[in-house]
Amino acid sequence: MSGYVPFGSPKKESSKFVRAFAVVLAIAIAAAVMYVSVGRNAELTMASAIQARSAQAMRTIPTLARNLATVSKSQPCNTMRSFPVSVFELPDLPWEKESLSPHMSPETIDYHYGKHHAAYVNKLNDLTKGTDKESKSLQALIASETGGIFNSAAQAYNHEFFWKCLSPAGGGAPTGAIADAITRDFGSFDAFKDAYDKAAVGHFGSGWVWLAKDSNGKLQIIDTHDADNPLTKGLTPILTTDVWEHAYYVDYRNARPDYIQDGWWNLVNWDFANANYAA
């Protein structure tokens, strides 16, 4: 749900607790001092005073607790709002940011994930705040919206998908059902890789390159501009490579071919591809 997390409690009632416990603590300290300075007889006298004052303080605590409960019940949660909670949240990365080195540096992750991806999520929250769109999924917003909301939702979705396409244990040739499907639809893995490279390197401007499947399970490579993705074309995403310049400029400068060869093919997560193909 949108909105805020209730935080805190009425300060006046809480301060009574603090004062009550402060009285008990002060009396205890005074007792210790008196015991050392005036001896056993004085200790017994002071102990009686402490017992009386402590009992008095303890008797007030249940009353204070009941009063606090009454105040809390009488005030709806939305009257004690603090610390806004985002409806759309930046998801955790599926791996440690250092684990993709040397193919993708922690600095790249800091900028790409911590700034660019986060900015799309924050913008989406700003654009949907207080509307019924807050309750919709990213996929639903991609299907129904245009303009800024579409761009923010699609980029949030695309980036979350992209991180899952990478793995510290990735790279190499595919195995399993996705390997069979690639051979069936492209002739061989090498032929598929060449076609994917051409699409990724040759894409003009900012965007994404995707391996996707149609409703019959046939694979195809498509490139999309800006925030667009296969969902808008009725296709199921299998893998994607981010070819926006911010995805690789820290590590590879403007050498997108090096990014594809080193930063993509050495990290591609075939287990994720297999899961998406089977879905």
C-alpha atoms as a PDB file:
ATOM      1  CA  MET A   1       0.000   0.000   0.000  1.00  0.00           C
ATOM      2  CA  SER A   2       1.034   3.558  -0.506  1.00  0.00           C
ATOM      3  CA  GLY A   3       1.441   6.226   2.095  1.00  0.00           C
ATOM      4  CA  TYR A   4       3.440   6.198   5.295  1.00  0.00           C
ATOM      5  CA  VAL A   5       4.519   3.932   8.087  1.00  0.00           C
ATOM      6  CA  PRO A   6       3.109   5.000  11.478  1.00  0.00           C
ATOM      7  CA  PHE A   7       6.010   5.998  13.663  1.00  0.00           C
ATOM      8  CA  GLY A   8       6.371   7.037  17.246  1.00  0.00           C
ATOM      9  CA  SER A   9       3.854   7.618  20.018  1.00  0.00           C
ATOM     10  CA  PRO A  10       2.404  10.644  21.857  1.00  0.00           C
ATOM     11  CA  LYS A  11       5.334  12.488  23.402  1.00  0.00           C
ATOM     12  CA  LYS A  12       3.510  13.636  26.554  1.00  0.00           C
ATOM     13  CA  GLU A  13       2.644  10.099  27.685  1.00  0.00           C
ATOM     14  CA  SER A  14       6.083   8.761  26.797  1.00  0.00           C
ATOM     15  CA  SER A  15       7.755  11.485  28.867  1.00  0.00           C
ATOM     16  CA  LYS A  16       5.831  10.312  31.957  1.00  0.00           C
ATOM     17  CA  PHE A  17       7.448   6.916  31.625  1.00  0.00           C
ATOM     18  CA  VAL A  18      10.851   8.532  31.352  1.00  0.00           C
ATOM     19  CA  ARG A  19      10.285  10.658  34.435  1.00  0.00           C
ATOM     20  CA  ALA A  20       9.034   7.690  36.469  1.00  0.00           C
ATOM     21  CA  PHE A  21      12.050   5.576  35.652  1.00  0.00           C
ATOM     22  CA  ALA A  22      14.351   8.549  36.183  1.00  0.00           C
ATOM     23  CA  VAL A  23      12.981   8.924  39.727  1.00  0.00           C
ATOM     24  CA  VAL A  24      13.661   5.267  40.490  1.00  0.00           C
ATOM     25  CA  LEU A  25      17.181   5.503  39.063  1.00  0.00           C
ATOM     26  CA  ALA A  26      17.988   8.685  41.011  1.00  0.00           C
ATOM     27  CA  ILE A  27      16.795   7.132  44.250  1.00  0.00           C
ATOM     28  CA  ALA A  28      18.907   4.030  43.649  1.00  0.00           C
ATOM     29  CA  ILE A  29      22.019   6.128  43.082  1.00  0.00           C
ATOM     30  CA  ALA A  30      21.328   8.168  46.196  1.00  0.00           C
ATOM     31  CA  ALA A  31      20.964   4.951  48.192  1.00  0.00           C
ATOM     32  CA  ALA A  32      24.348   3.720  47.074  1.00  0.00           C
ATOM     33  CA  VAL A  33      26.013   6.982  48.090  1.00  0.00           C
ATOM     34  CA  MET A  34      24.335   7.004  51.480  1.00  0.00           C
ATOM     35  CA  TYR A  35      25.312   3.404  52.119  1.00  0.00           C
ATOM     36  CA  VAL A  36      28.975   4.182  51.627  1.00  0.00           C
ATOM     37  CA  SER A  37      28.957   7.418  53.632  1.00  0.00           C
ATOM     38  CA  VAL A  38      26.785   6.738  56.669  1.00  0.00           C
ATOM     39  CA  GLY A  39      26.931   3.006  57.197  1.00  0.00           C
ATOM     40  CA  ARG A  40      24.512   0.203  57.823  1.00  0.00           C
ATOM     41  CA  ASN A  41      21.971   2.061  59.984  1.00  0.00           C
ATOM     42  CA  ALA A  42      21.599   4.869  57.486  1.00  0.00           C
ATOM     43  CA  GLU A  43      21.292   2.252  54.732  1.00  0.00           C
ATOM     44  CA  LEU A  44      18.307   0.674  56.453  1.00  0.00           C
ATOM     45  CA  THR A  45      16.603   4.053  56.842  1.00  0.00           C
ATOM     46  CA  MET A  46      17.272   5.010  53.236  1.00  0.00           C
ATOM     47  CA  ALA A  47      16.164   1.581  52.018  1.00  0.00           C
ATOM     48  CA  SER A  48      12.774   2.169  53.568  1.00  0.00           C
ATOM     49  CA  ALA A  49      12.502   5.513  51.775  1.00  0.00           C
ATOM     50  CA  ILE A  50      13.593   3.950  48.498  1.00  0.00           C
ATOM     51  CA  GLN A  51      11.057   1.179  48.853  1.00  0.00           C
ATOM     52  CA  ALA A  52       8.272   3.663  49.424  1.00  0.00           C
ATOM     53  CA  ARG A  53       9.239   5.938  46.533  1.00  0.00           C
ATOM     54  CA  SER A  54       9.816   2.979  44.177  1.00  0.00           C
ATOM     55  CA  ALA A  55       6.450   1.458  45.014  1.00  0.00           C
ATOM     56  CA  GLN A  56       4.786   4.794  44.358  1.00  0.00           C
ATOM     57  CA  ALA A  57       6.542   5.129  40.963  1.00  0.00           C
ATOM     58  CA  MET A  58       5.733   1.554  39.951  1.00  0.00           C
ATOM     59  CA  ARG A  59       2.056   2.041  40.808  1.00  0.00           C
ATOM     60  CA  THR A  60       1.850   4.842  38.226  1.00  0.00           C
ATOM     61  CA  ILE A  61       3.198   2.743  35.351  1.00  0.00           C
ATOM     62  CA  PRO A  62       0.043   0.627  34.648  1.00  0.00           C
ATOM     63  CA  THR A  63      -2.026   3.811  34.635  1.00  0.00           C
ATOM     64  CA  LEU A  64       0.357   5.475  32.206  1.00  0.00           C
ATOM     65  CA  ALA A  65       0.324   2.385  29.993  1.00  0.00           C
ATOM     66  CA  ARG A  66      -3.485   2.362  29.900  1.00  0.00           C
ATOM     67  CA  ASN A  67      -3.548   6.063  29.080  1.00  0.00           C
ATOM     68  CA  LEU A  68      -1.067   5.578  26.276  1.00  0.00           C
ATOM     69  CA  ALA A  69      -3.085   2.726  24.799  1.00  0.00           C
ATOM     70  CA  THR A  70      -6.219   4.858  24.931  1.00  0.00           C
ATOM     71  CA  VAL A  71      -4.510   7.767  23.171  1.00  0.00           C
ATOM     72  CA  SER A  72      -3.049   5.473  20.510  1.00  0.00           C
ATOM     73  CA  LYS A  73      -6.424   3.870  19.793  1.00  0.00           C
ATOM     74  CA  SER A  74      -8.147   7.211  19.600  1.00  0.00           C
ATOM     75  CA  GLN A  75      -5.744   8.541  16.950  1.00  0.00           C
ATOM     76  CA  PRO A  76      -5.900   6.979  13.467  1.00  0.00           C
ATOM     77  CA  CYS A  77      -2.556   5.905  12.034  1.00  0.00           C
ATOM     78  CA  ASN A  78      -2.626   8.630   9.437  1.00  0.00           C
ATOM     79  CA  THR A  79      -2.539  11.312  12.127  1.00  0.00           C
ATOM     80  CA  MET A  80       0.927  10.159  13.212  1.00  0.00           C
ATOM     81  CA  ARG A  81       2.518   9.881   9.765  1.00  0.00           C
ATOM     82  CA  SER A  82       6.214  10.103   9.238  1.00  0.00           C
ATOM     83  CA  PHE A  83       8.861   8.691   6.905  1.00  0.00           C
ATOM     84  CA  PRO A  84       7.134   8.215   3.512  1.00  0.00           C
ATOM     85  CA  VAL A  85       7.402   4.772   1.951  1.00  0.00           C
ATOM     86  CA  SER A  86       7.757   4.390  -1.814  1.00  0.00           C
ATOM     87  CA  VAL A  87       5.217   2.235  -3.597  1.00  0.00           C
ATOM     88  CA  PHE A  88       7.710   1.278  -6.298  1.00  0.00           C
ATOM     89  CA  GLU A  89      11.025   0.303  -4.775  1.00  0.00           C
ATOM     90  CA  LEU A  90      14.538  -0.172  -6.074  1.00  0.00           C
ATOM     91  CA  PRO A  91      15.062  -3.951  -5.918  1.00  0.00           C
ATOM     92  CA  ASP A  92      18.175  -5.472  -4.426  1.00  0.00           C
ATOM     93  CA  LEU A  93      20.844  -6.605  -6.854  1.00  0.00           C
ATOM     94  CA  PRO A  94      20.996 -10.400  -7.281  1.00  0.00           C
ATOM     95  CA  TRP A  95      24.760 -10.394  -6.588  1.00  0.00           C
ATOM     96  CA  GLU A  96      27.407  -8.290  -4.824  1.00  0.00           C
ATOM     97  CA  LYS A  97      28.517  -5.350  -6.937  1.00  0.00           C
ATOM     98  CA  GLU A  98      32.176  -6.416  -6.708  1.00  0.00           C
ATOM     99  CA  SER A  99      31.408  -9.866  -8.064  1.00  0.00           C
ATOM    100  CA  LEU A 100      31.166  -8.859 -11.743  1.00  0.00           C
ATOM    101  CA  SER A 101      34.725  -7.552 -11.925  1.00  0.00           C
ATOM    102  CA  PRO A 102      36.772  -7.321 -14.075  1.00  0.00           C
ATOM    103  CA  HIS A 103      34.055  -7.358 -16.752  1.00  0.00           C
ATOM    104  CA  MET A 104      31.894  -4.776 -15.001  1.00  0.00           C
ATOM    105  CA  SER A 105      33.315  -2.622 -12.231  1.00  0.00           C
ATOM    106  CA  PRO A 106      31.720  -1.657  -8.903  1.00  0.00           C
ATOM    107  CA  GLU A 107      31.913   1.964 -10.049  1.00  0.00           C
ATOM    108  CA  THR A 108      29.756   1.167 -13.061  1.00  0.00           C
ATOM    109  CA  ILE A 109      27.232  -0.554 -10.788  1.00  0.00           C
ATOM    110  CA  ASP A 110      27.231   2.406  -8.418  1.00  0.00           C
ATOM    111  CA  TYR A 111      26.338   4.790 -11.217  1.00  0.00           C
ATOM    112  CA  HIS A 112      24.134   2.529 -13.306  1.00  0.00           C
ATOM    113  CA  TYR A 113      22.148   0.941 -10.494  1.00  0.00           C
ATOM    114  CA  GLY A 114      22.534   3.469  -7.693  1.00  0.00           C
ATOM    115  CA  LYS A 115      21.831   6.553  -9.781  1.00  0.00           C
ATOM    116  CA  HIS A 116      20.218   5.757 -13.156  1.00  0.00           C
ATOM    117  CA  HIS A 117      18.009   2.829 -12.140  1.00  0.00           C
ATOM    118  CA  ALA A 118      17.139   4.526  -8.849  1.00  0.00           C
ATOM    119  CA  ALA A 119      16.205   7.726 -10.676  1.00  0.00           C
ATOM    120  CA  TYR A 120      13.624   5.899 -12.816  1.00  0.00           C
ATOM    121  CA  VAL A 121      12.053   4.342  -9.726  1.00  0.00           C
ATOM    122  CA  ASN A 122      11.938   7.679  -7.902  1.00  0.00           C
ATOM    123  CA  LYS A 123      10.458   9.430 -10.927  1.00  0.00           C
ATOM    124  CA  LEU A 124       7.774   6.761 -11.244  1.00  0.00           C
ATOM    125  CA  ASN A 125       6.794   7.291  -7.611  1.00  0.00           C
ATOM    126  CA  ASP A 126       6.586  11.037  -8.196  1.00  0.00           C
ATOM    127  CA  LEU A 127       4.395  10.619 -11.279  1.00  0.00           C
ATOM    128  CA  THR A 128       1.966   8.111  -9.747  1.00  0.00           C
ATOM    129  CA  LYS A 129       1.726   9.469  -6.200  1.00  0.00           C
ATOM    130  CA  GLY A 130      -1.867   9.762  -5.020  1.00  0.00           C
ATOM    131  CA  THR A 131      -3.358   8.038  -8.077  1.00  0.00           C
ATOM    132  CA  ASP A 132      -4.775   4.575  -8.723  1.00  0.00           C
ATOM    133  CA  LYS A 133      -1.629   3.849 -10.743  1.00  0.00           C
ATOM    134  CA  GLU A 134       0.229   3.291  -7.478  1.00  0.00           C
ATOM    135  CA  SER A 135      -1.444  -0.111  -7.146  1.00  0.00           C
ATOM    136  CA  LYS A 136      -0.493  -1.307 -10.631  1.00  0.00           C
ATOM    137  CA  SER A 137       2.475  -3.480 -11.539  1.00  0.00           C
ATOM    138  CA  LEU A 138       5.264  -2.278 -13.796  1.00  0.00           C
ATOM    139  CA  GLN A 139       3.961  -4.584 -16.528  1.00  0.00           C
ATOM    140  CA  ALA A 140       0.469  -3.124 -16.227  1.00  0.00           C
ATOM    141  CA  LEU A 141       1.793   0.421 -16.477  1.00  0.00           C
ATOM    142  CA  ILE A 142       3.876  -0.519 -19.524  1.00  0.00           C
ATOM    143  CA  ALA A 143       0.746  -1.901 -21.188  1.00  0.00           C
ATOM    144  CA  SER A 144      -1.524   1.030 -20.357  1.00  0.00           C
ATOM    145  CA  GLU A 145       0.517   4.210 -20.080  1.00  0.00           C
ATOM    146  CA  THR A 146       2.387   6.596 -22.360  1.00  0.00           C
ATOM    147  CA  GLY A 147       4.792   9.473 -21.866  1.00  0.00           C
ATOM    148  CA  GLY A 148       6.632   9.896 -18.596  1.00  0.00           C
ATOM    149  CA  ILE A 149       4.873   7.147 -16.673  1.00  0.00           C
ATOM    150  CA  PHE A 150       5.525   4.636 -19.458  1.00  0.00           C
ATOM    151  CA  ASN A 151       9.174   5.655 -19.738  1.00  0.00           C
ATOM    152  CA  SER A 152       9.787   5.436 -15.991  1.00  0.00           C
ATOM    153  CA  ALA A 153       7.912   2.140 -15.538  1.00  0.00           C
ATOM    154  CA  ALA A 154       9.540   0.535 -18.570  1.00  0.00           C
ATOM    155  CA  GLN A 155      13.024   1.643 -17.579  1.00  0.00           C
ATOM    156  CA  ALA A 156      12.482   0.378 -14.036  1.00  0.00           C
ATOM    157  CA  TYR A 157      11.366  -2.968 -15.487  1.00  0.00           C
ATOM    158  CA  ASN A 158      14.163  -3.106 -18.091  1.00  0.00           C
ATOM    159  CA  HIS A 159      16.903  -2.456 -15.561  1.00  0.00           C
ATOM    160  CA  GLU A 160      15.593  -4.979 -13.046  1.00  0.00           C
ATOM    161  CA  PHE A 161      15.458  -7.533 -15.857  1.00  0.00           C
ATOM    162  CA  PHE A 162      18.958  -6.616 -17.042  1.00  0.00           C
ATOM    163  CA  TRP A 163      20.571  -7.188 -13.632  1.00  0.00           C
ATOM    164  CA  LYS A 164      19.134 -10.692 -13.582  1.00  0.00           C
ATOM    165  CA  CYS A 165      20.636 -11.346 -17.010  1.00  0.00           C
ATOM    166  CA  LEU A 166      24.106 -11.015 -15.464  1.00  0.00           C
ATOM    167  CA  SER A 167      25.837 -13.493 -13.191  1.00  0.00           C
ATOM    168  CA  PRO A 168      29.340 -13.855 -11.719  1.00  0.00           C
ATOM    169  CA  ALA A 169      29.076 -17.509 -12.771  1.00  0.00           C
ATOM    170  CA  GLY A 170      27.721 -16.660 -16.229  1.00  0.00           C
ATOM    171  CA  GLY A 171      29.212 -16.594 -19.682  1.00  0.00           C
ATOM    172  CA  GLY A 172      30.167 -19.333 -22.069  1.00  0.00           C
ATOM    173  CA  ALA A 173      27.787 -21.290 -24.261  1.00  0.00           C
ATOM    174  CA  PRO A 174      24.195 -21.974 -23.228  1.00  0.00           C
ATOM    175  CA  THR A 175      22.912 -25.335 -22.068  1.00  0.00           C
ATOM    176  CA  GLY A 176      19.478 -26.837 -21.678  1.00  0.00           C
ATOM    177  CA  ALA A 177      16.304 -25.901 -23.514  1.00  0.00           C
ATOM    178  CA  ILE A 178      17.506 -22.413 -24.468  1.00  0.00           C
ATOM    179  CA  ALA A 179      20.546 -23.921 -26.194  1.00  0.00           C
ATOM    180  CA  ASP A 180      18.299 -26.218 -28.220  1.00  0.00           C
ATOM    181  CA  ALA A 181      15.973 -23.359 -29.131  1.00  0.00           C
ATOM    182  CA  ILE A 182      18.883 -21.163 -30.238  1.00  0.00           C
ATOM    183  CA  THR A 183      20.213 -23.893 -32.481  1.00  0.00           C
ATOM    184  CA  ARG A 184      16.736 -24.534 -33.890  1.00  0.00           C
ATOM    185  CA  ASP A 185      15.964 -20.873 -34.645  1.00  0.00           C
ATOM    186  CA  PHE A 186      19.408 -19.499 -35.566  1.00  0.00           C
ATOM    187  CA  GLY A 187      21.241 -22.538 -36.887  1.00  0.00           C
ATOM    188  CA  SER A 188      23.990 -22.527 -34.248  1.00  0.00           C
ATOM    189  CA  PHE A 189      25.123 -20.635 -31.170  1.00  0.00           C
ATOM    190  CA  ASP A 190      27.861 -18.910 -33.185  1.00  0.00           C
ATOM    191  CA  ALA A 191      25.299 -17.688 -35.723  1.00  0.00           C
ATOM    192  CA  PHE A 192      23.080 -16.433 -32.925  1.00  0.00           C
ATOM    193  CA  LYS A 193      26.019 -14.681 -31.253  1.00  0.00           C
ATOM    194  CA  ASP A 194      26.997 -12.938 -34.496  1.00  0.00           C
ATOM    195  CA  ALA A 195      23.438 -11.721 -35.049  1.00  0.00           C
ATOM    196  CA  TYR A 196      23.164 -10.500 -31.456  1.00  0.00           C
ATOM    197  CA  ASP A 197      26.497  -8.673 -31.709  1.00  0.00           C
ATOM    198  CA  LYS A 198      25.406  -6.895 -34.874  1.00  0.00           C
ATOM    199  CA  ALA A 199      22.167  -5.779 -33.275  1.00  0.00           C
ATOM    200  CA  ALA A 200      23.889  -4.559 -30.088  1.00  0.00           C
ATOM    201  CA  VAL A 201      26.830  -2.811 -31.716  1.00  0.00           C
ATOM    202  CA  GLY A 202      24.800  -1.427 -34.598  1.00  0.00           C
ATOM    203  CA  HIS A 203      21.942  -0.031 -32.531  1.00  0.00           C
ATOM    204  CA  PHE A 204      21.824   3.719 -33.075  1.00  0.00           C
ATOM    205  CA  GLY A 205      21.512   5.827 -29.964  1.00  0.00           C
ATOM    206  CA  SER A 206      20.169   4.668 -26.620  1.00  0.00           C
ATOM    207  CA  GLY A 207      18.174   1.510 -26.093  1.00  0.00           C
ATOM    208  CA  TRP A 208      18.193  -2.225 -25.532  1.00  0.00           C
ATOM    209  CA  VAL A 209      18.865  -5.442 -27.424  1.00  0.00           C
ATOM    210  CA  TRP A 210      16.675  -8.411 -26.560  1.00  0.00           C
ATOM    211  CA  LEU A 211      16.381 -12.105 -27.104  1.00  0.00           C
ATOM    212  CA  ALA A 212      12.638 -12.748 -26.983  1.00  0.00           C
ATOM    213  CA  LYS A 213      10.147 -15.436 -27.880  1.00  0.00           C
ATOM    214  CA  ASP A 214       6.756 -15.210 -29.537  1.00  0.00           C
ATOM    215  CA  SER A 215       3.584 -17.041 -28.529  1.00  0.00           C
ATOM    216  CA  ASN A 216       4.771 -20.127 -30.411  1.00  0.00           C
ATOM    217  CA  GLY A 217       8.103 -20.251 -28.606  1.00  0.00           C
ATOM    218  CA  LYS A 218      10.140 -19.070 -31.594  1.00  0.00           C
ATOM    219  CA  LEU A 219      13.147 -16.952 -30.649  1.00  0.00           C
ATOM    220  CA  GLN A 220      14.007 -13.621 -32.221  1.00  0.00           C
ATOM    221  CA  ILE A 221      16.470 -10.790 -31.649  1.00  0.00           C
ATOM    222  CA  ILE A 222      15.023  -7.284 -31.484  1.00  0.00           C
ATOM    223  CA  ASP A 223      16.459  -3.913 -30.578  1.00  0.00           C
ATOM    224  CA  THR A 224      14.305  -1.245 -28.961  1.00  0.00           C
ATOM    225  CA  HIS A 225      14.875   2.467 -28.550  1.00  0.00           C
ATOM    226  CA  ASP A 226      14.880   4.376 -25.278  1.00  0.00           C
ATOM    227  CA  ALA A 227      12.543   2.614 -22.785  1.00  0.00           C
ATOM    228  CA  ASP A 228      10.714   0.319 -25.200  1.00  0.00           C
ATOM    229  CA  ASN A 229      10.770  -3.441 -24.632  1.00  0.00           C
ATOM    230  CA  PRO A 230       9.271  -6.686 -26.009  1.00  0.00           C
ATOM    231  CA  LEU A 231       6.205  -6.487 -23.758  1.00  0.00           C
ATOM    232  CA  THR A 232       4.792  -3.751 -25.996  1.00  0.00           C
ATOM    233  CA  LYS A 233       5.012  -6.133 -28.954  1.00  0.00           C
ATOM    234  CA  GLY A 234       3.380  -9.144 -27.342  1.00  0.00           C
ATOM    235  CA  LEU A 235       6.722 -10.932 -26.899  1.00  0.00           C
ATOM    236  CA  THR A 236       8.265 -12.595 -23.853  1.00  0.00           C
ATOM    237  CA  PRO A 237      11.730 -11.282 -22.873  1.00  0.00           C
ATOM    238  CA  ILE A 238      14.411 -13.932 -22.476  1.00  0.00           C
ATOM    239  CA  LEU A 239      17.598 -11.830 -22.192  1.00  0.00           C
ATOM    240  CA  THR A 240      18.517  -8.185 -22.657  1.00  0.00           C
ATOM    241  CA  THR A 241      21.632  -6.032 -23.001  1.00  0.00           C
ATOM    242  CA  ASP A 242      21.520  -2.391 -22.008  1.00  0.00           C
ATOM    243  CA  VAL A 243      23.189  -0.339 -24.745  1.00  0.00           C
ATOM    244  CA  TRP A 244      22.571   3.050 -23.198  1.00  0.00           C
ATOM    245  CA  GLU A 245      25.987   4.665 -22.901  1.00  0.00           C
ATOM    246  CA  HIS A 246      25.779   4.891 -19.101  1.00  0.00           C
ATOM    247  CA  ALA A 247      25.831   1.073 -19.025  1.00  0.00           C
ATOM    248  CA  TYR A 248      29.433   0.897 -20.176  1.00  0.00           C
ATOM    249  CA  TYR A 249      31.113   4.314 -20.370  1.00  0.00           C
ATOM    250  CA  VAL A 250      32.944   4.070 -17.022  1.00  0.00           C
ATOM    251  CA  ASP A 251      34.633   0.783 -17.988  1.00  0.00           C
ATOM    252  CA  TYR A 252      34.794   0.911 -21.776  1.00  0.00           C
ATOM    253  CA  ARG A 253      34.403   4.610 -22.625  1.00  0.00           C
ATOM    254  CA  ASN A 254      32.721   4.790 -26.048  1.00  0.00           C
ATOM    255  CA  ALA A 255      33.845   1.313 -27.148  1.00  0.00           C
ATOM    256  CA  ARG A 256      30.496  -0.466 -27.205  1.00  0.00           C
ATOM    257  CA  PRO A 257      31.921  -3.504 -29.102  1.00  0.00           C
ATOM    258  CA  ASP A 258      34.348  -4.128 -26.209  1.00  0.00           C
ATOM    259  CA  TYR A 259      31.506  -3.868 -23.727  1.00  0.00           C
ATOM    260  CA  ILE A 260      29.491  -6.454 -25.650  1.00  0.00           C
ATOM    261  CA  GLN A 261      32.380  -8.888 -26.051  1.00  0.00           C
ATOM    262  CA  ASP A 262      33.818  -8.576 -22.559  1.00  0.00           C
ATOM    263  CA  GLY A 263      31.136  -7.061 -20.366  1.00  0.00           C
ATOM    264  CA  TRP A 264      28.184  -9.033 -21.743  1.00  0.00           C
ATOM    265  CA  TRP A 265      29.234 -12.425 -23.060  1.00  0.00           C
ATOM    266  CA  ASN A 266      31.383 -13.164 -19.993  1.00  0.00           C
ATOM    267  CA  LEU A 267      28.478 -12.489 -17.641  1.00  0.00           C
ATOM    268  CA  VAL A 268      25.340 -13.635 -19.489  1.00  0.00           C
ATOM    269  CA  ASN A 269      23.114 -15.688 -17.186  1.00  0.00           C
ATOM    270  CA  TRP A 270      21.914 -18.726 -19.121  1.00  0.00           C
ATOM    271  CA  ASP A 271      20.070 -20.110 -16.088  1.00  0.00           C
ATOM    272  CA  PHE A 272      17.882 -16.997 -16.108  1.00  0.00           C
ATOM    273  CA  ALA A 273      17.385 -17.393 -19.865  1.00  0.00           C
ATOM    274  CA  ASN A 274      16.286 -20.993 -19.404  1.00  0.00           C
ATOM    275  CA  ALA A 275      13.801 -19.980 -16.688  1.00  0.00           C
ATOM    276  CA  ASN A 276      12.308 -17.276 -18.921  1.00  0.00           C
ATOM    277  CA  TYR A 277      12.107 -19.586 -21.910  1.00  0.00           C
ATOM    278  CA  ALA A 278      10.289 -22.222 -19.862  1.00  0.00           C
ATOM    279  CA  ALA A 279       7.788 -19.695 -18.453  1.00  0.00           C
END
